[in-house]
Protein backbone atom coordinates (compact mmCIF):
# COMPACT_ATOMS: atom_id res chain seq x y z
CA UNK A 1 0.20 0.01 -0.25
CA UNK A 2 1.31 3.64 -0.26
CA UNK A 3 3.39 4.95 2.54
CA UNK A 4 0.99 8.01 2.80
CA UNK A 5 -1.62 5.12 4.17
CA UNK A 6 0.59 4.37 7.02
CA UNK A 7 0.88 8.20 8.15
CA UNK A 8 -2.71 8.71 7.71
CA UNK A 9 -3.09 5.31 9.98
CA UNK A 10 -1.06 6.70 12.74
CA UNK A 11 -2.79 10.20 12.35
CA UNK A 12 -6.38 8.76 12.30
CA UNK A 13 -5.32 6.35 15.67
CA UNK A 14 -3.51 8.79 17.47
CA UNK A 15 -5.93 9.76 19.23
CA UNK A 16 -7.28 10.16 22.76
CA UNK A 17 -9.17 7.10 23.02
CA UNK A 18 -7.01 4.51 21.59
CA UNK A 19 -4.63 2.19 23.47
CA UNK A 20 -1.79 1.44 20.97
CA UNK A 21 0.39 -1.96 21.81
CA UNK A 22 3.31 -2.45 19.58
CA UNK A 23 5.20 -5.77 19.51
CA UNK A 24 7.61 -7.52 17.15
CA UNK A 25 5.98 -10.78 16.25
CA UNK A 26 7.47 -13.71 17.13
CA UNK A 27 7.42 -17.12 15.55
CA UNK A 28 5.26 -18.22 18.19
CA UNK A 29 2.47 -15.55 17.16
CA UNK A 30 2.52 -16.50 13.75
CA UNK A 31 2.12 -20.31 12.32
CA UNK A 32 6.30 -20.04 11.54
CA UNK A 33 6.45 -23.17 13.92
CA UNK A 34 3.50 -24.79 13.35
CA UNK A 35 2.22 -23.79 17.20
CA UNK A 36 -0.93 -24.69 18.08
CA UNK A 37 -1.89 -21.59 19.72
CA UNK A 38 -0.51 -19.34 16.60
CA UNK A 39 -2.03 -16.08 17.60
CA UNK A 40 -0.48 -13.02 19.00
CA UNK A 41 0.50 -13.22 22.35
CA UNK A 42 -0.93 -10.27 24.62
CA UNK A 43 0.19 -9.83 28.60
CA UNK A 44 -2.20 -10.85 30.54
CA UNK A 45 -1.96 -7.12 32.52
CA UNK A 46 -2.68 -5.23 29.00
CA UNK A 47 -5.74 -7.04 28.21
CA UNK A 48 -7.41 -7.08 31.30
CA UNK A 49 -7.24 -3.67 31.07
CA UNK A 50 -8.65 -3.22 27.93
CA UNK A 51 -11.78 -6.15 28.54
CA UNK A 52 -12.10 -6.38 31.77
CA UNK A 53 -14.59 -8.87 31.52
CA UNK A 54 -11.53 -11.24 31.20
CA UNK A 55 -10.30 -11.13 34.34
CA UNK A 56 -12.48 -14.20 35.58
CA UNK A 57 -10.28 -16.56 37.05
CA UNK A 58 -13.45 -18.61 38.61
CA UNK A 59 -14.56 -19.46 34.74
CA UNK A 60 -12.38 -21.52 32.39
CA UNK A 61 -10.71 -20.13 29.73
CA UNK A 62 -12.93 -16.86 29.37
CA UNK A 63 -13.18 -15.18 26.41
CA UNK A 64 -14.43 -11.97 24.70
CA UNK A 65 -14.95 -11.32 20.93
CA UNK A 66 -14.43 -8.06 18.87
CA UNK A 67 -13.75 -6.92 15.65
CA UNK A 68 -10.05 -6.55 14.13
CA UNK A 69 -9.41 -4.79 11.12
CA UNK A 70 -5.95 -5.66 9.49
CA UNK A 71 -5.60 -2.24 7.64
CA UNK A 72 -2.27 -2.87 6.56
CA UNK A 73 -3.23 -5.28 3.82
CA UNK A 74 -6.76 -5.10 4.67
CA UNK A 75 -8.29 -7.79 6.27
CA UNK A 76 -11.15 -7.39 8.95
CA UNK A 77 -11.79 -10.53 11.21
CA UNK A 78 -14.30 -11.34 14.26
CA UNK A 79 -11.39 -12.11 16.75
CA UNK A 80 -11.41 -13.98 19.89
CA UNK A 81 -8.92 -12.71 23.11
CA UNK A 82 -8.85 -15.40 25.46
CA UNK A 83 -7.32 -16.23 28.90
CA UNK A 84 -6.08 -19.74 28.67
CA UNK A 85 -6.00 -20.50 32.47
CA UNK A 86 -6.11 -24.14 33.15
CA UNK A 87 -3.36 -23.93 34.93
CA UNK A 88 -5.54 -22.18 38.09
CA UNK A 89 -7.16 -25.97 37.45
CA UNK A 90 -3.94 -28.02 37.74
CA UNK A 91 -3.23 -27.51 34.12
CA UNK A 92 0.51 -25.90 32.45
CA UNK A 93 -1.43 -22.53 31.00
CA UNK A 94 -1.52 -19.17 32.18
CA UNK A 95 -1.59 -16.61 29.08
CA UNK A 96 -3.49 -14.51 27.14
CA UNK A 97 -3.94 -14.73 23.09
CA UNK A 98 -5.84 -13.34 20.26
CA UNK A 99 -7.19 -16.03 18.37
CA UNK A 100 -9.55 -17.11 15.25
CA UNK A 101 -7.16 -14.82 12.34
CA UNK A 102 -8.54 -17.41 9.51
CA UNK A 103 -5.27 -19.04 9.06
CA UNK A 104 -1.98 -17.94 6.81
CA UNK A 105 -3.67 -15.76 4.72
CA UNK A 106 -3.82 -13.03 7.89
CA UNK A 107 -0.90 -10.61 7.81
CA UNK A 108 -0.85 -11.34 11.62
CA UNK A 109 -0.13 -15.31 11.10
CA UNK A 110 1.84 -15.36 8.11
CA UNK A 111 5.24 -16.98 8.79
CA UNK A 112 6.91 -14.30 7.04
CA UNK A 113 5.47 -11.64 9.00
CA UNK A 114 7.68 -13.43 11.77
CA UNK A 115 9.63 -10.19 13.31
CA UNK A 116 7.81 -7.78 12.06
CA UNK A 117 6.39 -4.74 13.43
CA UNK A 118 2.80 -5.18 14.59
CA UNK A 119 0.82 -2.27 15.94
CA UNK A 120 -2.38 -2.71 17.40
CA UNK A 121 -4.87 0.20 18.05
CA UNK A 122 -7.44 -0.56 20.78
CA UNK A 123 -10.30 1.80 20.29
CA UNK A 124 -12.38 2.55 23.90
CA UNK A 125 -15.55 3.48 22.49
CA UNK A 126 -18.35 1.38 22.96
CA UNK A 127 -18.47 -1.43 25.89
CA UNK A 128 -15.99 -4.18 25.74
CA UNK A 129 -17.73 -6.59 23.13
CA UNK A 130 -18.82 -3.68 21.03
CA UNK A 131 -15.06 -2.29 21.10
CA UNK A 132 -12.61 -2.95 17.87
CA UNK A 133 -9.13 -2.92 17.17
CA UNK A 134 -7.17 -1.33 13.90
CA UNK A 135 -3.77 -3.02 13.33
CA UNK A 136 -0.82 -2.23 11.08
CA UNK A 137 1.73 -5.34 10.21
CA UNK A 138 4.99 -3.32 9.17
CA UNK A 139 6.58 -4.88 6.28
CA UNK A 140 8.63 -3.65 3.15
CA UNK A 141 12.02 -2.51 3.75
CA UNK A 142 12.22 -1.53 7.26
CA UNK A 143 10.55 2.25 6.36
CA UNK A 144 7.33 1.38 8.20
CA UNK A 145 8.65 -0.06 11.30
CA UNK A 146 11.10 3.01 11.09
CA UNK A 147 7.87 5.67 10.79
CA UNK A 148 6.33 4.01 14.04
CA UNK A 149 9.62 3.98 16.38
CA UNK A 150 10.14 7.49 15.64
CA UNK A 151 6.64 7.93 17.71
CA UNK A 152 7.12 5.04 20.09
CA UNK A 153 10.84 4.77 20.26
CA UNK A 154 12.76 1.36 19.67
CA UNK A 155 10.36 -2.06 19.67
CA UNK A 156 12.90 -4.62 20.46
CA UNK A 157 12.17 -8.76 20.91
CA UNK A 158 10.22 -9.49 23.99
CA UNK A 159 10.14 -5.89 24.80
CA UNK A 160 6.61 -4.45 23.84
CA UNK A 161 5.53 -0.86 23.97
CA UNK A 162 2.13 0.54 24.95
CA UNK A 163 1.38 3.97 24.31
CA UNK A 164 -2.16 6.03 24.90
CA UNK A 165 -2.29 9.38 22.99
CA UNK A 166 -1.69 12.17 25.18
CA UNK A 167 0.86 10.58 27.01
CA UNK A 168 4.17 12.34 27.18
CA UNK A 169 6.25 8.90 26.13
CA UNK A 170 5.04 5.30 25.12
CA UNK A 171 4.94 3.09 28.71
CA UNK A 172 7.90 -0.13 28.32
CA UNK A 173 6.95 -1.06 31.78
CA UNK A 174 3.80 -3.34 30.93
CA UNK A 175 4.65 -4.79 34.98
CA UNK A 176 5.72 -3.18 37.94
CA UNK A 177 9.16 -2.19 38.79
CA UNK A 178 11.28 -5.51 39.41
CA UNK A 179 12.51 -6.59 43.20
CA UNK A 180 14.28 -8.55 44.76
CA UNK A 181 17.55 -9.93 44.74
CA UNK A 182 17.40 -10.89 41.08
CA UNK A 183 16.40 -7.75 40.33
CA UNK A 184 18.64 -5.30 38.57
CA UNK A 185 16.10 -2.31 38.93
CA UNK A 186 17.96 0.77 41.05
CA UNK A 187 16.46 2.62 43.90
CA UNK A 188 16.99 6.16 43.53
CA UNK A 189 20.01 6.20 46.12
CA UNK A 190 22.02 3.07 43.95
CA UNK A 191 21.85 5.75 40.66
CA UNK A 192 25.01 7.22 40.28
CA UNK A 193 24.51 10.90 41.26
CA UNK A 194 26.46 11.91 37.68
CA UNK A 195 23.23 10.28 36.03
CA UNK A 196 20.75 12.01 37.73
CA UNK A 197 22.92 14.95 36.37
CA UNK A 198 22.92 14.22 32.89
CA UNK A 199 21.24 10.57 31.22
CA UNK A 200 24.15 8.29 31.38
CA UNK A 201 25.19 6.52 27.86
CA UNK A 202 23.93 3.35 26.45
CA UNK A 203 28.04 2.12 27.60
CA UNK A 204 27.82 3.48 30.97
CA UNK A 205 24.73 1.60 31.79
CA UNK A 206 25.88 -1.65 29.30
CA UNK A 207 29.24 -1.20 31.81
CA UNK A 208 26.69 -1.09 35.58
CA UNK A 209 25.17 -4.31 34.16
CA UNK A 210 28.22 -6.33 33.74
CA UNK A 211 28.77 -5.19 37.48
CA UNK A 212 25.45 -6.48 38.71
CA UNK A 213 25.41 -9.67 36.17
CA UNK A 214 29.36 -10.73 35.99
CA UNK A 215 27.74 -14.41 35.43
CA UNK A 216 31.48 -15.74 35.44
CA UNK A 217 31.66 -19.17 34.23
CA UNK A 218 28.19 -18.93 32.16
CA UNK A 219 28.18 -19.52 28.50
CA UNK A 220 28.59 -16.18 26.65
CA UNK A 221 25.02 -16.89 25.52
CA UNK A 222 23.65 -17.11 28.93
CA UNK A 223 25.79 -13.39 29.50
CA UNK A 224 24.28 -11.72 26.65
CA UNK A 225 20.67 -12.58 27.30
CA UNK A 226 20.91 -12.23 31.27
CA UNK A 227 22.42 -8.65 30.80
CA UNK A 228 20.49 -7.62 28.00
CA UNK A 229 17.39 -8.48 30.59
CA UNK A 230 19.62 -6.64 33.69
CA UNK A 231 20.60 -3.25 31.09
CA UNK A 232 16.51 -2.76 30.35
CA UNK A 233 16.05 -2.98 34.19
CA UNK A 234 18.50 -0.64 34.91
CA UNK A 235 17.57 1.93 32.24
CA UNK A 236 14.20 1.76 32.76
CA UNK A 237 14.74 2.74 36.62
CA UNK A 238 17.29 5.57 35.50
CA UNK A 239 14.73 6.79 33.05
CA UNK A 240 11.70 6.92 36.18
CA UNK A 241 14.20 8.87 38.23
CA UNK A 242 15.13 11.33 35.84
CA UNK A 243 11.56 12.20 33.57
CA UNK A 244 8.62 10.96 36.41
CA UNK A 245 8.84 13.73 38.75
CA UNK A 246 9.38 16.11 35.83
CA UNK A 247 6.32 14.56 34.26
CA UNK A 248 4.56 14.87 37.41
CA UNK A 249 4.53 18.77 37.75
CA UNK A 250 2.85 18.98 34.84
CA UNK A 251 3.41 21.20 31.74
CA UNK A 252 2.21 25.00 31.08
CA UNK A 253 2.64 24.91 27.14
CA UNK A 254 3.01 22.75 24.56
CA UNK A 255 6.10 22.79 23.51
CA UNK A 256 7.56 21.61 26.87
CA UNK A 257 5.46 18.93 26.24
CA UNK A 258 6.87 18.16 23.06
CA UNK A 259 10.02 18.58 24.47
CA UNK A 260 10.21 16.10 27.28
CA UNK A 261 8.42 13.47 25.09
CA UNK A 262 11.33 14.16 22.10
CA UNK A 263 14.18 13.77 25.16
CA UNK A 264 12.81 10.58 26.46
CA UNK A 265 12.24 8.70 23.12
CA UNK A 266 15.61 10.32 22.26
CA UNK A 267 17.30 8.38 25.21
CA UNK A 268 15.16 5.06 24.34
CA UNK A 269 17.10 5.29 20.82
CA UNK A 270 20.62 6.24 22.06
CA UNK A 271 20.12 3.05 24.34
CA UNK A 272 18.83 0.82 22.09
CA UNK A 273 21.07 1.76 19.02
CA UNK A 274 24.15 -0.11 19.85
CA UNK A 275 23.52 -1.92 22.93
CA UNK A 276 23.76 -5.65 21.44
CA UNK A 277 27.22 -4.54 20.06
CA UNK A 278 28.49 -2.72 23.34
CA UNK A 279 27.44 -6.32 25.37
CA UNK A 280 29.07 -8.10 22.27
CA UNK A 281 32.20 -6.19 22.70
CA UNK A 282 32.68 -6.77 26.06
CA UNK A 283 31.79 -10.67 26.26
CA UNK A 284 34.52 -10.81 23.18
CA UNK A 285 36.88 -9.31 25.61
CA UNK A 286 35.81 -11.78 28.51
CA UNK A 287 36.24 -15.04 26.69
CA UNK A 288 40.13 -13.94 25.99
CA UNK A 289 39.87 -12.25 22.32
CA UNK A 290 42.04 -9.07 22.23
CA UNK A 291 41.24 -6.63 20.38
CA UNK A 292 43.46 -5.34 17.66
CA UNK A 293 44.59 -8.88 17.21
CA UNK A 294 41.42 -10.92 17.34
CA UNK A 295 39.09 -8.72 16.48
CA UNK A 296 38.54 -4.67 15.16
CA UNK A 297 35.34 -3.09 16.61
CA UNK A 298 34.02 -0.66 13.94
CA UNK A 299 37.07 -0.38 11.92
CA UNK A 300 36.60 2.08 8.73
CA UNK A 301 37.61 0.07 5.81
CA UNK A 302 36.83 0.47 1.91
CA UNK A 303 34.58 3.19 0.73
CA UNK A 304 34.13 4.77 4.33
CA UNK A 305 32.52 1.16 5.29
CA UNK A 306 32.39 0.43 8.94
CA UNK A 307 31.17 -3.07 9.54
CA UNK A 308 30.57 -3.94 13.14
CA UNK A 309 33.36 -6.19 13.80
CA UNK A 310 36.40 -7.49 11.62
CA UNK A 311 37.89 -10.75 12.70
CA UNK A 312 40.81 -11.57 13.29
CA UNK A 313 41.21 -7.93 12.60
CA UNK A 314 41.21 -4.93 10.20
CA UNK A 315 44.69 -5.70 9.52
CA UNK A 316 43.92 -9.08 8.34
CA UNK A 317 41.11 -7.43 6.55
CA UNK A 318 43.87 -4.68 4.77
CA UNK A 319 46.33 -7.41 3.93
CA UNK A 320 45.91 -8.73 0.48
CA UNK A 321 48.10 -11.88 1.30
CA UNK A 322 45.97 -12.82 4.30
CA UNK A 323 43.33 -15.54 2.81
CA UNK A 324 39.75 -14.30 2.48
CA UNK A 325 38.58 -18.02 3.86
CA UNK A 326 40.12 -17.07 7.26
CA UNK A 327 38.05 -13.51 7.64
CA UNK A 328 34.79 -13.13 9.47
CA UNK A 329 32.65 -10.29 9.95
CA UNK A 330 29.65 -9.91 12.28
CA UNK A 331 26.97 -7.67 12.34
CA UNK A 332 24.87 -7.06 15.12
CA UNK A 333 20.79 -5.99 14.92
CA UNK A 334 18.45 -6.81 17.65
CA UNK A 335 16.14 -7.40 14.70
CA UNK A 336 17.29 -8.94 11.22
CA UNK A 337 13.45 -9.55 9.77
CA UNK A 338 13.80 -5.98 7.63
CA UNK A 339 17.48 -5.36 8.39
CA UNK A 340 19.53 -7.71 7.04
CA UNK A 341 20.33 -7.24 3.58
CA UNK A 342 22.03 -4.31 4.81
CA UNK A 343 25.22 -5.84 6.13
CA UNK A 344 25.73 -7.46 2.34
CA UNK A 345 27.97 -5.09 1.28
CA UNK A 346 29.81 -4.04 4.20
CA UNK A 347 32.63 -5.88 4.06
CA UNK A 348 33.81 -6.81 -0.03
CA UNK A 349 36.57 -9.49 1.10
CA UNK A 350 34.47 -11.18 3.16
CA UNK A 351 31.50 -13.52 0.79
CA UNK A 352 29.69 -15.16 4.06
CA UNK A 353 28.07 -12.81 6.69
CA UNK A 354 27.74 -13.61 10.17
CA UNK A 355 24.41 -12.01 11.79
CA UNK A 356 24.04 -11.50 15.34
CA UNK A 357 20.54 -11.06 16.37
CA UNK A 358 17.97 -11.49 19.29
CA UNK A 359 14.74 -11.84 16.76
CA UNK A 360 12.58 -14.55 18.00
CA UNK A 361 12.26 -16.60 14.82
CA UNK A 362 12.28 -15.88 10.87
CA UNK A 363 10.21 -17.51 8.58
CA UNK A 364 11.89 -20.85 6.26
CA UNK A 365 11.46 -18.67 3.46
CA UNK A 366 13.36 -15.63 4.56
CA UNK A 367 16.15 -17.81 6.48
CA UNK A 368 16.73 -19.82 2.98
CA UNK A 369 16.78 -16.31 1.29
CA UNK A 370 19.59 -14.98 3.77
CA UNK A 371 21.42 -18.64 3.32
CA UNK A 372 21.36 -17.97 -0.48
CA UNK A 373 22.76 -14.34 -0.34
CA UNK A 374 25.96 -15.72 1.97
CA UNK A 375 24.08 -14.78 5.39
CA UNK A 376 25.00 -17.13 8.64
CA UNK A 377 22.73 -15.94 11.65
CA UNK A 378 24.37 -15.98 15.04
CA UNK A 379 21.67 -16.50 17.81
CA UNK A 380 22.25 -16.81 21.69
CA UNK A 381 21.17 -20.84 22.43
CA UNK A 382 18.07 -20.01 24.48
CA UNK A 383 16.36 -18.25 21.58
CA UNK A 384 16.89 -21.74 19.38
CA UNK A 385 13.68 -22.91 20.58
CA UNK A 386 11.55 -19.54 19.13
CA UNK A 387 12.75 -20.75 15.53
CA UNK A 388 11.20 -23.26 13.14
CA UNK A 389 12.53 -26.86 13.58
CA UNK A 390 14.06 -26.87 10.05
CA UNK A 391 15.96 -23.59 10.71
CA UNK A 392 17.41 -24.77 14.14
CA UNK A 393 20.41 -27.05 12.90
CA UNK A 394 21.82 -24.17 10.99
CA UNK A 395 21.74 -21.29 13.41
CA UNK A 396 25.14 -20.94 15.09
CA UNK A 397 25.39 -19.72 18.83
CA UNK A 398 27.39 -16.98 20.20
CA UNK A 399 29.66 -19.72 21.99
CA UNK A 400 30.35 -21.44 18.81
CA UNK A 401 31.12 -17.77 16.92
CA UNK A 402 33.68 -17.37 19.33
CA UNK A 403 34.95 -20.31 19.46
CA UNK A 404 35.33 -20.74 15.46
CA UNK A 405 37.12 -17.38 15.10
CA UNK A 406 39.80 -17.94 18.46
CA UNK A 407 41.26 -20.77 15.93
CA UNK A 408 41.67 -18.05 13.39
CA UNK A 409 45.38 -17.03 12.23
CA UNK A 410 46.58 -13.62 13.26
CA UNK A 411 47.62 -11.56 10.02
CA UNK A 412 51.18 -11.71 10.96
CA UNK A 413 50.73 -15.90 12.21
């Protein structure tokens, strides 16, 4: 559809009375893994707010039906929101989902939509049974997703965003602040004073994360996933301590409101933009890879290109006598559905590229397309089950990738 339709949709449903829920579609949301529970997972806390009638623990699998319009394609279905609650009766399930989208013909269940940004706009007018939802499933080259993230901030795997038009910024905390010994949430007296004067950089937050989650003896894959969760908690705690008191003071002008909303979104983008890359740097160092001789981070190479990582180092890449088959390039992208093609021309001497991602699955079709283009996925072991079974044997863990590059001869070796 014409791009103008995206902006029209955002204007039409970005008004008071709507509630947006934005998420990256996982393989378990679509039909990519042939899961019997196919249909977008949405947290109970959110759906209970939209449909209070669902919160009936005395009823087995309470549900409500409502109209959903997938305007991006377009499509209309009478959809079921259901709380699968048999865990309260000795079963195993306790989750809420949207179902009855009509199978793979729906853009929300199409396996090729795995990894796509989907934005649900729930309209609050009318009673619960009469409510409707309008959905946009982003496609194409990522331009549509970029437009939404300009308004919502980054939407990453397992980190959905909720926005009520009129609020200063979208909410990234669907649940209450974490607590207990396993939490990385910083209380006010634990936040460095300098951070309250000037919001910390993404790298500063990651270094604080490593202090809290050293995880000595754990694999690279475990460290990466646990630290990412920890980093997000630290960021949220600092964001709340920094911005919430100012928001609670209210606004005297529209410009003041818009200025604060913009500042919040910019800090979220700054944290998200290179987070995965910075985590990888620290893990490479911890695992004994020497920067400058066994890996280079963000080196400038031909035509002004800057790949995220080169192995064994940029000196090997620039040495015409160094065998190309021993060179490795790694890109770090939290999501890869719309962005994997960006890495194809980043290092011309490396025909086969590696891509580190946290995306929860890709379709078989898209994986085959990546493979034919010479892209190999590096995915933390804990996420492999979110990929279709035929793909899993071909995924490389971060631990395996480090083992591979550790054995590469150096440029002088």
